[in-house]
Amino acid sequence: MREDLAAGYVGEKTVEDFLKRVGKDYPLPRIAEGRRRLWLIDDLDRAIAPDGGRGDLAEEY
């Protein structure tokens, strides 16, 4: 998915906030060809739920 969609998917308020965390908290794009950068949903899922999403995340809140 494009960076704007990826930012929204992981809950970042802006694309800029998302990009600041790419390479640290979020994975690098799987496809990076010129200005075209794409992230895979599976990679983003692992970043936001590294334990594989075991259990109900809503129970924590």
Protein backbone atom coordinates (compact mmCIF):
# COMPACT_ATOMS: atom_id res chain seq x y z
CA MET A 1 0.00 0.00 0.00
CA ARG A 2 1.09 3.59 -0.56
CA GLU A 3 2.56 5.60 2.29
CA ASP A 4 -0.66 7.53 2.93
CA LEU A 5 -2.64 4.32 3.33
CA ALA A 6 0.09 2.70 5.41
CA ALA A 7 0.16 5.69 7.75
CA GLY A 8 -3.57 5.46 8.32
CA TYR A 9 -3.44 1.69 8.69
CA VAL A 10 -0.96 1.85 11.58
CA GLY A 11 -2.80 4.76 13.19
CA GLU A 12 -0.45 7.64 12.48
CA LYS A 13 -2.14 11.03 12.11
CA THR A 14 0.09 12.16 9.25
CA VAL A 15 2.25 10.63 6.58
CA GLU A 16 5.16 12.63 7.94
CA ASP A 17 4.74 11.04 11.39
CA PHE A 18 4.67 7.61 9.76
CA LEU A 19 7.78 8.27 7.69
CA LYS A 20 9.70 9.47 10.77
CA ARG A 21 9.20 6.03 12.29
CA VAL A 22 9.93 3.97 9.16
CA GLY A 23 13.10 1.96 9.66
CA LYS A 24 12.68 2.17 13.44
CA ASP A 25 9.18 1.17 14.53
CA TYR A 26 7.79 0.43 11.09
CA PRO A 27 9.40 -1.58 8.30
CA LEU A 28 11.07 -0.14 5.27
CA PRO A 29 8.91 -0.27 2.15
CA ARG A 30 9.01 -3.62 0.38
CA ILE A 31 9.06 -1.84 -2.99
CA ALA A 32 11.12 1.32 -3.41
CA GLU A 33 11.51 2.36 -7.03
CA GLY A 34 12.20 6.04 -7.43
CA ARG A 35 9.40 7.92 -5.69
CA ARG A 36 7.21 4.82 -5.60
CA ARG A 37 7.25 3.23 -2.15
CA LEU A 38 4.92 0.41 -1.15
CA TRP A 39 4.42 -1.44 2.13
CA LEU A 40 2.96 -4.91 2.55
CA ILE A 41 0.13 -5.27 5.03
CA ASP A 42 1.79 -8.34 6.56
CA ASP A 43 4.93 -6.32 7.33
CA LEU A 44 2.87 -3.56 8.95
CA ASP A 45 0.85 -6.10 10.94
CA ARG A 46 4.06 -7.55 12.39
CA ALA A 47 5.18 -4.05 13.38
CA ILE A 48 1.97 -3.13 15.20
CA ALA A 49 1.34 -6.58 16.72
CA PRO A 50 4.74 -8.28 16.99
CA ASP A 51 3.35 -11.18 19.03
CA GLY A 52 1.16 -12.14 16.10
CA GLY A 53 -1.93 -10.55 17.58
CA ARG A 54 -2.48 -13.31 20.08
CA GLY A 55 -5.38 -12.50 22.32
CA ASP A 56 -7.77 -9.63 22.02
CA LEU A 57 -5.91 -6.33 21.78
CA ALA A 58 -9.06 -4.49 22.84
CA GLU A 59 -8.92 -6.21 26.23
CA GLU A 60 -5.79 -4.24 27.05
CA TYR A 61 -7.66 -0.92 26.92
